Amino acid sequence: MRLILAQGDLFGKVRMTQQGGEVVFMLSSKEVCPEEHPVAIVHCISADAAMGKGFALQVARMLGTGLRTSIIASHPSVGETIFRQGIFHMVTKLYCWQKPARMDFMTALSSLASMVSRSGYKWLIMPKIGCGLDGLDWKWVQDLIEQAFSLWDGTIVVCV
């Protein structure tokens, strides 16, 4: 696994397209990679799928109310990861107003790594997951990401 820290806004580095009715994101940042690649976005949400602040709000606005409805209908559990519309949603807490427990974050990250390994994606892009409104320490999170994805043959771009 290769981890790249990239300056700037995540949505400035991806291009959203539709292919056969499915949302597809393409990594289109020349500073990160010379050619475009299909990329999945990763972020954290609560099981109530409120998505009303931070990066989750940007995702909800971009993809509309159908995304939130779809997530709620799947009855997500804390510690799991849900894949919808080209995005891996890590469920790290029960309610949006909570902070994630470290064990719940670790479980969701492990779930993410397992799903990504089976998905065929070779590129992921994410903010500093768990470190914005959730308040986790980036060094701790980065170490966990490197451990969870150590055997995965792909690239993770973290927008800082």
Protein backbone atom coordinates (compact mmCIF):
# COMPACT_ATOMS: atom_id res chain seq x y z
CA MET A 1 0.00 0.00 0.00
CA ARG A 2 1.15 3.48 -0.84
CA LEU A 3 -0.10 6.47 1.20
CA ILE A 4 0.05 9.93 -0.39
CA LEU A 5 -0.68 13.13 1.52
CA ALA A 6 -2.04 15.69 -0.95
CA GLN A 7 -2.70 19.36 -0.28
CA GLY A 8 -6.11 20.79 -1.11
CA ASP A 9 -9.76 19.92 -1.38
CA LEU A 10 -10.69 16.32 -2.13
CA PHE A 11 -13.48 17.32 -4.52
CA GLY A 12 -10.94 19.30 -6.53
CA LYS A 13 -9.06 16.05 -7.20
CA VAL A 14 -11.94 13.88 -8.42
CA ARG A 15 -14.40 14.03 -11.27
CA MET A 16 -17.85 12.45 -10.89
CA THR A 17 -19.39 10.67 -13.89
CA GLN A 18 -22.26 8.29 -14.56
CA GLN A 19 -21.66 4.89 -16.12
CA GLY A 20 -24.66 2.65 -16.68
CA GLY A 21 -26.69 4.47 -14.03
CA GLU A 22 -23.87 4.13 -11.46
CA VAL A 23 -21.88 7.01 -9.99
CA VAL A 24 -18.18 6.68 -10.78
CA PHE A 25 -15.42 8.92 -9.43
CA MET A 26 -12.23 9.43 -11.41
CA LEU A 27 -9.01 10.64 -9.81
CA SER A 28 -8.06 13.58 -12.01
CA SER A 29 -5.27 15.29 -10.09
CA LYS A 30 -2.03 15.52 -12.07
CA GLU A 31 -0.11 16.31 -8.86
CA VAL A 32 -1.11 12.88 -7.50
CA CYS A 33 -1.03 10.74 -10.63
CA PRO A 34 -0.30 11.48 -14.32
CA GLU A 35 -3.34 9.57 -15.63
CA GLU A 36 -6.94 9.23 -14.47
CA HIS A 37 -7.94 6.24 -12.35
CA PRO A 38 -11.28 5.07 -10.95
CA VAL A 39 -11.22 6.01 -7.28
CA ALA A 40 -13.53 5.39 -4.33
CA ILE A 41 -14.10 8.05 -1.70
CA VAL A 42 -13.86 7.08 1.98
CA HIS A 43 -15.35 8.96 4.92
CA CYS A 44 -16.94 8.44 8.33
CA ILE A 45 -20.63 8.63 9.22
CA SER A 46 -22.89 7.83 12.15
CA ALA A 47 -25.41 4.98 12.07
CA ASP A 48 -28.24 7.53 12.10
CA ALA A 49 -26.85 8.80 8.75
CA ALA A 50 -27.48 12.42 9.74
CA MET A 51 -24.63 13.63 7.49
CA GLY A 52 -25.31 17.21 8.55
CA LYS A 53 -21.81 18.57 9.17
CA GLY A 54 -18.23 18.37 7.94
CA PHE A 55 -17.16 16.22 5.02
CA ALA A 56 -20.27 14.01 5.29
CA LEU A 57 -22.44 17.07 4.57
CA GLN A 58 -20.47 17.72 1.37
CA VAL A 59 -21.04 14.11 0.30
CA ALA A 60 -24.77 14.31 1.12
CA ARG A 61 -25.18 17.54 -0.85
CA MET A 62 -23.30 16.14 -3.83
CA LEU A 63 -25.28 12.90 -4.07
CA GLY A 64 -28.68 14.03 -2.80
CA THR A 65 -31.26 12.68 -0.36
CA GLY A 66 -31.41 9.25 -1.96
CA LEU A 67 -28.00 8.42 -0.51
CA ARG A 68 -29.05 9.06 3.09
CA THR A 69 -32.32 7.15 2.58
CA SER A 70 -30.42 4.20 1.13
CA ILE A 71 -28.00 4.13 4.06
CA ILE A 72 -30.78 4.33 6.66
CA ALA A 73 -32.71 1.54 4.90
CA SER A 74 -29.71 -0.76 5.30
CA HIS A 75 -29.86 -0.37 9.13
CA PRO A 76 -26.12 0.20 9.54
CA SER A 77 -24.31 -0.96 12.67
CA VAL A 78 -21.42 0.78 14.31
CA GLY A 79 -18.18 -0.77 13.09
CA GLU A 80 -19.35 -1.70 9.62
CA THR A 81 -18.62 -0.06 6.29
CA ILE A 82 -21.29 0.51 3.67
CA PHE A 83 -20.58 1.04 -0.04
CA ARG A 84 -23.00 3.31 -1.89
CA GLN A 85 -22.57 5.34 -5.08
CA GLY A 86 -18.78 5.05 -5.31
CA ILE A 87 -18.25 5.88 -1.65
CA PHE A 88 -17.21 3.75 1.32
CA HIS A 89 -19.10 5.06 4.38
CA MET A 90 -17.38 3.95 7.60
CA VAL A 91 -19.96 3.78 10.43
CA THR A 92 -17.91 4.84 13.45
CA LYS A 93 -20.60 5.89 15.95
CA LEU A 94 -24.31 5.50 16.62
CA TYR A 95 -25.40 9.16 16.62
CA CYS A 96 -24.01 12.18 14.82
CA TRP A 97 -23.45 14.14 18.04
CA GLN A 98 -21.17 11.46 19.53
CA LYS A 99 -17.43 11.00 19.21
CA PRO A 100 -16.33 7.55 17.99
CA ALA A 101 -14.84 5.10 20.46
CA ARG A 102 -11.38 4.04 19.32
CA MET A 103 -12.44 0.38 19.13
CA ASP A 104 -15.45 1.26 16.94
CA PHE A 105 -13.21 3.26 14.62
CA MET A 106 -10.73 0.39 14.42
CA THR A 107 -13.54 -2.09 13.67
CA ALA A 108 -14.94 0.15 10.90
CA LEU A 109 -11.46 0.56 9.42
CA SER A 110 -10.95 -3.20 9.43
CA SER A 111 -14.32 -3.61 7.71
CA LEU A 112 -13.26 -1.00 5.14
CA ALA A 113 -9.96 -2.77 4.42
CA SER A 114 -11.76 -6.07 3.92
CA MET A 115 -14.34 -4.54 1.56
CA VAL A 116 -11.72 -2.65 -0.44
CA SER A 117 -9.63 -5.81 -0.88
CA ARG A 118 -12.65 -7.57 -2.41
CA SER A 119 -13.85 -4.57 -4.43
CA GLY A 120 -11.14 -4.35 -7.06
CA TYR A 121 -10.45 -0.68 -6.33
CA LYS A 122 -6.77 0.21 -6.47
CA TRP A 123 -7.19 3.88 -5.55
CA LEU A 124 -8.91 5.44 -2.53
CA ILE A 125 -9.22 9.11 -1.65
CA MET A 126 -10.25 10.47 1.72
CA PRO A 127 -9.99 13.38 4.10
CA LYS A 128 -8.13 12.76 7.37
CA ILE A 129 -10.86 10.30 8.41
CA GLY A 130 -11.98 10.57 12.02
CA CYS A 131 -9.83 13.63 12.65
CA GLY A 132 -12.17 16.50 11.80
CA LEU A 133 -15.34 16.77 13.87
CA ASP A 134 -14.66 13.36 15.45
CA GLY A 135 -11.41 14.61 16.97
CA LEU A 136 -9.18 11.54 16.62
CA ASP A 137 -5.41 11.99 16.45
CA TRP A 138 -4.12 11.85 12.84
CA LYS A 139 -0.89 10.03 13.69
CA TRP A 140 -2.88 7.26 15.44
CA VAL A 141 -5.33 7.05 12.49
CA GLN A 142 -2.51 7.03 9.92
CA ASP A 143 -0.78 4.17 11.76
CA LEU A 144 -4.05 2.20 11.77
CA ILE A 145 -4.59 2.80 8.04
CA GLU A 146 -1.07 1.59 7.28
CA GLN A 147 -1.64 -1.56 9.38
CA ALA A 148 -5.12 -2.31 8.00
CA PHE A 149 -4.02 -1.92 4.36
CA SER A 150 -0.48 -3.31 4.65
CA LEU A 151 -1.23 -6.25 2.33
CA TRP A 152 -3.41 -4.31 -0.13
CA ASP A 153 -1.86 -3.46 -3.48
CA GLY A 154 -3.20 0.03 -3.97
CA THR A 155 -2.83 3.75 -3.26
CA ILE A 156 -4.59 5.87 -0.66
CA VAL A 157 -4.65 9.61 -1.21
CA VAL A 158 -5.34 11.63 1.95
CA CYS A 159 -6.32 15.25 1.38
CA VAL A 160 -4.87 17.48 4.08
